[in-house]
Amino acid sequence: MQSLLTHSLTVVVPVYGNEGSITPLIAALASIKAETKVPFEAVFVIDGSPDQSYARLREQLPTAGFDAQLIALSRNFGAFSAIRVGLEHAKGSIIAVMAADLQEPPALVIELFKALSAGDKDIAMGVRESREDPGLSKLASATFWSLYRRFVMPDIPKGGVDIFAVSADMRDRLLLLKESNTSLLAQLFWLGGRRAFVPYQRLRREHGKSAWTLKKKLRYLSDSVFAFTDLPVRLLMGIGILALAAAVGLSLLILVAKLSGLVAVPGYAGTMVTILFFGALNSLGLGVVGAYAWRTFENTKARPLSIIQSQDHFKESGV
């Protein structure tokens, strides 16, 4: 077993709309440094945050008591892109990701670090055992992860993963995957490796309002599905086969009825229902195929996943 002293720790913190939690966040990171007793740095990535998060970090980091990098992106690229930037600039042998809103307890970072310090694991993930969120939010999250485990990524824990730590080698493997419009967490499971899971209870947000809007959740849902499975296409094919069988059966029924003299006048209602049904089916099919085509097109552009506006370094001594 390797000694903790042979390692160094970098904590990556994506920041968006977190000005109210900057002071306790810095205090939490200082406590992590004191507890782990290893070379430590924090990498803050400002993801186009519209509030005063950057200014407050710029003011407080010189006296934070630990080495830090403050990276500002040119606009809001999304949390996963911000995390990737932090991973790219991390210098530690173990790199942990921590939420700036402190909903994941800071002590969890220490547990993740210890789980990787022996050197026999590549990635450690915090698995939610419970969460202090509204009932509807809990139900939606449980439903999503249950279906995602069933149909897309069976290895993902039931409660999902929000916080993780990786070895430097695992970080390097992850950064080789450069596709856009994807799920960073699903990429980690796709990479495989030796995993450790650490249970924790997610806390209620104390400062500010979550930027995790319904629109972003739906975008995350589509990215998580379309980037890792052809299930929507297969479902569409199945529905198409069933619809074709129903159409053939209906056609035979109408033909028999016509030849038997049971149909005097063609029915308007039946015609309209058939047209609307197959029209909707065609629209659905175009939407699903278009989603895959668009993601393919986006990746062929090979645009950078994020753009750095500025970068500052702060030493523990304040120099």
Protein backbone atom coordinates (compact mmCIF):
# COMPACT_ATOMS: atom_id res chain seq x y z
CA MET A 1 0.00 0.00 0.00
CA GLN A 2 1.32 3.39 -0.99
CA SER A 3 1.73 6.11 1.60
CA LEU A 4 -0.50 9.18 1.40
CA LEU A 5 2.66 11.26 1.36
CA THR A 6 3.60 9.88 -2.06
CA HIS A 7 0.58 11.60 -3.56
CA SER A 8 -0.54 15.15 -4.24
CA LEU A 9 -4.15 16.31 -4.48
CA THR A 10 -5.81 18.72 -6.86
CA VAL A 11 -9.45 19.70 -6.33
CA VAL A 12 -11.25 20.97 -9.43
CA VAL A 13 -14.19 23.30 -8.75
CA PRO A 14 -16.46 24.44 -11.62
CA VAL A 15 -18.08 27.75 -10.67
CA TYR A 16 -21.33 29.23 -11.99
CA GLY A 17 -23.60 31.44 -9.91
CA ASN A 18 -21.88 30.63 -6.63
CA GLU A 19 -20.89 34.04 -5.24
CA GLY A 20 -22.71 33.36 -1.96
CA SER A 21 -20.73 30.20 -1.23
CA ILE A 22 -17.22 31.42 -2.11
CA THR A 23 -16.14 32.14 1.47
CA PRO A 24 -17.31 28.80 2.96
CA LEU A 25 -15.99 27.03 -0.15
CA ILE A 26 -12.48 28.35 0.42
CA ALA A 27 -12.70 27.42 4.08
CA ALA A 28 -13.80 23.90 3.13
CA LEU A 29 -10.87 23.52 0.75
CA ALA A 30 -8.47 24.74 3.41
CA SER A 31 -9.83 22.09 5.78
CA ILE A 32 -9.32 19.41 3.10
CA LYS A 33 -5.70 20.51 2.71
CA ALA A 34 -5.16 20.37 6.47
CA GLU A 35 -6.76 16.94 6.76
CA THR A 36 -4.96 15.23 3.87
CA LYS A 37 -1.52 16.64 4.74
CA VAL A 38 -0.24 16.28 1.16
CA PRO A 39 0.80 18.81 -1.51
CA PHE A 40 -2.49 20.48 -2.42
CA GLU A 41 -3.92 22.83 -5.00
CA ALA A 42 -7.38 23.96 -6.07
CA VAL A 43 -8.36 24.77 -9.64
CA PHE A 44 -11.38 27.06 -9.94
CA VAL A 45 -12.95 27.27 -13.40
CA ILE A 46 -15.38 30.18 -13.87
CA ASP A 47 -17.85 28.92 -16.46
CA GLY A 48 -19.06 32.30 -17.71
CA SER A 49 -20.70 33.01 -14.37
CA PRO A 50 -22.83 36.20 -14.52
CA ASP A 51 -22.42 37.08 -10.83
CA GLN A 52 -19.45 38.19 -8.72
CA SER A 53 -17.94 34.72 -8.26
CA TYR A 54 -14.78 35.59 -10.19
CA ALA A 55 -14.25 38.87 -8.34
CA ARG A 56 -14.69 37.25 -4.94
CA LEU A 57 -12.28 34.45 -5.75
CA ARG A 58 -9.79 36.92 -7.17
CA GLU A 59 -9.99 38.84 -3.90
CA GLN A 60 -9.83 35.93 -1.45
CA LEU A 61 -7.46 33.42 -3.08
CA PRO A 62 -4.23 35.36 -2.32
CA THR A 63 -4.82 34.69 1.40
CA ALA A 64 -6.62 31.33 1.09
CA GLY A 65 -3.73 29.34 2.52
CA PHE A 66 -3.26 26.95 -0.41
CA ASP A 67 -2.01 26.98 -3.99
CA ALA A 68 -4.75 27.79 -6.48
CA GLN A 69 -5.44 28.43 -10.13
CA LEU A 70 -8.27 30.69 -11.22
CA ILE A 71 -9.36 30.07 -14.80
CA ALA A 72 -12.11 32.09 -16.48
CA LEU A 73 -13.79 30.77 -19.63
CA SER A 74 -14.90 33.19 -22.33
CA ARG A 75 -18.56 32.21 -21.88
CA ASN A 76 -20.77 29.52 -20.35
CA PHE A 77 -19.74 26.22 -21.93
CA GLY A 78 -21.42 23.95 -19.37
CA ALA A 79 -20.26 22.20 -16.21
CA PHE A 80 -18.67 19.23 -17.99
CA SER A 81 -16.55 21.46 -20.22
CA ALA A 82 -15.46 23.46 -17.17
CA ILE A 83 -14.51 20.27 -15.36
CA ARG A 84 -12.47 19.13 -18.36
CA VAL A 85 -10.54 22.42 -18.30
CA GLY A 86 -9.81 21.90 -14.62
CA LEU A 87 -8.65 18.34 -15.25
CA GLU A 88 -6.36 19.53 -18.03
CA HIS A 89 -4.61 22.01 -15.72
CA ALA A 90 -4.52 19.85 -12.59
CA LYS A 91 -1.03 18.95 -11.37
CA GLY A 92 -1.87 16.43 -8.63
CA SER A 93 -1.40 12.68 -8.83
CA ILE A 94 -5.00 12.42 -7.63
CA ILE A 95 -7.63 14.84 -8.94
CA ALA A 96 -11.03 15.29 -7.31
CA VAL A 97 -14.03 17.24 -8.56
CA MET A 98 -16.01 19.22 -6.02
CA ALA A 99 -19.26 21.20 -6.37
CA ALA A 100 -18.98 24.89 -5.55
CA ASP A 101 -22.43 24.93 -3.91
CA LEU A 102 -21.19 22.50 -1.20
CA GLN A 103 -24.17 20.15 -1.66
CA GLU A 104 -21.64 17.33 -1.66
CA PRO A 105 -19.96 17.36 1.78
CA PRO A 106 -16.28 18.42 1.58
CA ALA A 107 -15.34 15.43 3.73
CA LEU A 108 -16.31 13.27 0.76
CA VAL A 109 -13.29 14.58 -1.15
CA ILE A 110 -11.07 13.26 1.63
CA GLU A 111 -12.74 9.85 1.44
CA LEU A 112 -12.31 9.74 -2.33
CA PHE A 113 -8.65 10.69 -1.96
CA LYS A 114 -8.08 7.91 0.57
CA ALA A 115 -9.83 5.41 -1.71
CA LEU A 116 -7.32 6.16 -4.49
CA SER A 117 -4.22 6.63 -2.37
CA ALA A 118 -3.49 2.88 -2.16
CA GLY A 119 -2.84 2.87 -5.89
CA ASP A 120 -5.08 -0.12 -6.70
CA LYS A 121 -7.98 1.98 -8.07
CA ASP A 122 -8.26 4.32 -11.04
CA ILE A 123 -11.40 6.20 -10.08
CA ALA A 124 -13.43 6.78 -6.92
CA MET A 125 -17.03 7.95 -7.10
CA GLY A 126 -19.41 9.36 -4.54
CA VAL A 127 -22.69 7.44 -4.60
CA ARG A 128 -25.74 9.20 -3.18
CA GLU A 129 -27.53 7.17 -0.53
CA SER A 130 -30.01 9.96 0.14
CA ARG A 131 -30.56 13.60 -0.75
CA GLU A 132 -32.24 16.56 0.94
CA ASP A 133 -34.16 17.61 -2.17
CA PRO A 134 -37.88 18.09 -2.91
CA GLY A 135 -39.90 14.91 -3.43
CA LEU A 136 -40.57 15.55 -7.12
CA SER A 137 -36.88 16.12 -7.76
CA LYS A 138 -36.02 12.87 -5.99
CA LEU A 139 -38.62 10.96 -8.03
CA ALA A 140 -37.41 12.41 -11.34
CA SER A 141 -33.78 11.63 -10.48
CA ALA A 142 -34.58 8.07 -9.38
CA THR A 143 -36.61 7.43 -12.54
CA PHE A 144 -33.91 8.79 -14.82
CA TRP A 145 -31.07 6.80 -13.28
CA SER A 146 -33.17 3.64 -13.13
CA LEU A 147 -33.99 3.80 -16.84
CA TYR A 148 -30.43 4.84 -17.70
CA ARG A 149 -29.03 1.84 -15.84
CA ARG A 150 -31.53 -0.46 -17.48
CA PHE A 151 -31.11 0.62 -21.09
CA VAL A 152 -27.85 2.56 -21.51
CA MET A 153 -25.12 2.19 -18.88
CA PRO A 154 -25.69 -0.75 -16.48
CA ASP A 155 -22.57 0.03 -14.41
CA ILE A 156 -23.81 3.41 -13.13
CA PRO A 157 -25.00 3.31 -9.47
CA LYS A 158 -28.71 3.64 -8.75
CA GLY A 159 -28.47 7.16 -7.36
CA GLY A 160 -26.12 8.44 -10.04
CA VAL A 161 -22.77 10.16 -9.57
CA ASP A 162 -22.08 13.89 -9.15
CA ILE A 163 -18.62 13.94 -7.59
CA PHE A 164 -15.58 11.82 -8.33
CA ALA A 165 -11.81 11.59 -8.12
CA VAL A 166 -9.41 10.07 -10.63
CA SER A 167 -5.76 9.17 -10.82
CA ALA A 168 -3.60 11.23 -13.16
CA ASP A 169 -3.40 8.27 -15.56
CA MET A 170 -7.19 7.93 -15.66
CA ARG A 171 -7.46 11.68 -16.23
CA ASP A 172 -5.18 11.35 -19.24
CA ARG A 173 -7.36 8.59 -20.70
CA LEU A 174 -10.48 10.68 -20.19
CA LEU A 175 -9.00 13.70 -21.94
CA LEU A 176 -8.38 11.59 -25.04
CA LEU A 177 -12.17 11.59 -25.56
CA LYS A 178 -12.89 14.92 -27.20
CA GLU A 179 -16.43 14.54 -28.53
CA SER A 180 -18.86 17.36 -27.86
CA ASN A 181 -22.44 17.11 -26.58
CA THR A 182 -21.74 14.16 -24.35
CA SER A 183 -21.83 13.10 -20.71
CA LEU A 184 -18.53 13.26 -18.83
CA LEU A 185 -19.78 10.77 -16.22
CA ALA A 186 -20.89 8.27 -18.84
CA GLN A 187 -17.47 8.64 -20.47
CA LEU A 188 -15.85 7.63 -17.19
CA PHE A 189 -17.91 4.45 -17.07
CA TRP A 190 -17.26 3.78 -20.74
CA LEU A 191 -13.51 3.93 -20.06
CA GLY A 192 -13.79 1.16 -17.50
CA GLY A 193 -10.88 0.90 -15.08
CA ARG A 194 -10.77 -0.10 -11.44
CA ARG A 195 -13.50 1.67 -9.48
CA ALA A 196 -14.24 2.43 -5.85
CA PHE A 197 -17.60 3.72 -4.62
CA VAL A 198 -18.02 5.88 -1.53
CA PRO A 199 -21.57 6.41 -0.16
CA TYR A 200 -22.69 9.85 1.02
CA GLN A 201 -25.76 11.96 1.72
CA ARG A 202 -26.31 14.93 -0.56
CA LEU A 203 -26.97 18.13 1.39
CA ARG A 204 -29.46 20.91 0.80
CA ARG A 205 -28.15 23.95 -1.06
CA GLU A 206 -27.44 26.78 1.40
CA HIS A 207 -26.47 29.64 -0.91
CA GLY A 208 -28.00 30.95 -4.10
CA LYS A 209 -30.28 29.22 -6.57
CA SER A 210 -29.38 26.17 -8.59
CA ALA A 211 -28.52 26.82 -12.26
CA TRP A 212 -29.55 23.23 -13.04
CA THR A 213 -32.71 24.27 -14.90
CA LEU A 214 -35.26 22.01 -16.58
CA LYS A 215 -33.81 22.94 -19.96
CA LYS A 216 -30.31 21.88 -18.87
CA LYS A 217 -31.67 18.66 -17.40
CA LEU A 218 -33.39 17.79 -20.67
CA ARG A 219 -30.19 18.61 -22.56
CA TYR A 220 -28.22 16.38 -20.20
CA LEU A 221 -30.78 13.62 -20.70
CA SER A 222 -30.49 13.75 -24.48
CA ASP A 223 -26.69 13.98 -24.43
CA SER A 224 -26.44 11.04 -22.03
CA VAL A 225 -28.66 8.87 -24.22
CA PHE A 226 -27.78 9.80 -27.81
CA ALA A 227 -24.01 9.80 -27.18
CA PHE A 228 -23.89 6.27 -25.75
CA THR A 229 -26.64 4.13 -27.26
CA ASP A 230 -28.63 3.52 -30.42
CA LEU A 231 -31.67 2.61 -28.31
CA PRO A 232 -33.87 5.44 -29.71
CA VAL A 233 -33.22 4.22 -33.26
CA ARG A 234 -33.97 0.63 -32.30
CA LEU A 235 -37.16 1.70 -30.54
CA LEU A 236 -38.17 3.68 -33.59
CA MET A 237 -37.56 0.66 -35.80
CA GLY A 238 -39.69 -1.47 -33.50
CA ILE A 239 -42.51 1.06 -33.53
CA GLY A 240 -42.22 1.27 -37.31
CA ILE A 241 -42.52 -2.50 -37.67
CA LEU A 242 -45.57 -2.56 -35.40
CA ALA A 243 -47.12 0.35 -37.29
CA LEU A 244 -46.45 -1.38 -40.61
CA ALA A 245 -48.07 -4.57 -39.36
CA ALA A 246 -51.08 -2.59 -38.13
CA ALA A 247 -51.30 -0.78 -41.47
CA VAL A 248 -51.20 -4.05 -43.44
CA GLY A 249 -53.86 -5.58 -41.20
CA LEU A 250 -56.06 -2.50 -41.49
CA SER A 251 -55.64 -2.46 -45.26
CA LEU A 252 -56.68 -6.10 -45.54
CA LEU A 253 -59.69 -5.44 -43.32
CA ILE A 254 -60.77 -2.48 -45.43
CA LEU A 255 -60.30 -4.48 -48.66
CA VAL A 256 -62.38 -7.38 -47.38
CA ALA A 257 -65.07 -4.99 -46.16
CA LYS A 258 -65.10 -3.22 -49.52
CA LEU A 259 -65.39 -6.43 -51.53
CA SER A 260 -68.15 -7.61 -49.21
CA GLY A 261 -70.15 -4.47 -49.77
CA LEU A 262 -69.96 -3.47 -46.11
CA VAL A 263 -68.37 -0.10 -46.91
CA ALA A 264 -70.63 2.20 -48.88
CA VAL A 265 -68.79 5.48 -48.38
CA PRO A 266 -65.12 5.84 -47.40
CA GLY A 267 -64.84 7.08 -43.81
CA TYR A 268 -63.36 10.53 -43.24
CA ALA A 269 -62.48 9.85 -39.60
CA GLY A 270 -60.53 6.70 -40.34
CA THR A 271 -58.59 8.41 -43.13
CA MET A 272 -57.65 11.37 -40.96
CA VAL A 273 -56.61 9.20 -38.00
CA THR A 274 -54.36 7.14 -40.26
CA ILE A 275 -52.76 10.21 -41.83
CA LEU A 276 -52.16 11.89 -38.46
CA PHE A 277 -50.74 8.72 -36.91
CA PHE A 278 -48.21 8.03 -39.63
CA GLY A 279 -47.42 11.73 -39.98
CA ALA A 280 -46.55 11.90 -36.29
CA LEU A 281 -44.51 8.69 -36.60
CA ASN A 282 -42.52 10.16 -39.49
CA SER A 283 -41.86 13.36 -37.52
CA LEU A 284 -40.65 11.34 -34.56
CA GLY A 285 -38.34 9.34 -36.80
CA LEU A 286 -36.89 12.45 -38.40
CA GLY A 287 -36.29 13.96 -34.96
CA VAL A 288 -34.43 10.91 -33.65
CA VAL A 289 -32.30 10.47 -36.75
CA GLY A 290 -31.69 14.22 -36.86
CA ALA A 291 -30.42 14.18 -33.27
CA TYR A 292 -27.74 11.64 -34.16
CA ALA A 293 -26.89 13.44 -37.42
CA TRP A 294 -26.50 16.77 -35.62
CA ARG A 295 -24.17 15.30 -33.02
CA THR A 296 -22.08 13.74 -35.76
CA PHE A 297 -21.93 17.08 -37.57
CA GLU A 298 -20.90 18.91 -34.38
CA ASN A 299 -18.03 16.51 -33.80
CA THR A 300 -16.76 16.82 -37.38
CA LYS A 301 -16.30 20.57 -36.81
CA ALA A 302 -13.62 19.76 -34.22
CA ARG A 303 -14.21 23.05 -32.40
CA PRO A 304 -12.58 23.40 -28.95
CA LEU A 305 -14.85 22.29 -26.11
CA SER A 306 -14.09 25.53 -24.25
CA ILE A 307 -12.07 28.73 -24.57
CA ILE A 308 -10.00 30.21 -21.73
CA GLN A 309 -10.34 33.95 -21.24
CA SER A 310 -7.81 34.35 -18.43
CA GLN A 311 -5.76 32.32 -15.97
CA ASP A 312 -4.20 33.33 -12.65
CA HIS A 313 -2.01 31.42 -10.19
CA PHE A 314 -1.93 31.96 -6.43
CA LYS A 315 0.70 30.50 -4.14
CA GLU A 316 0.09 29.46 -0.56
CA SER A 317 2.48 32.15 0.61
CA GLY A 318 0.39 34.75 -1.18
CA VAL A 319 3.18 35.58 -3.65
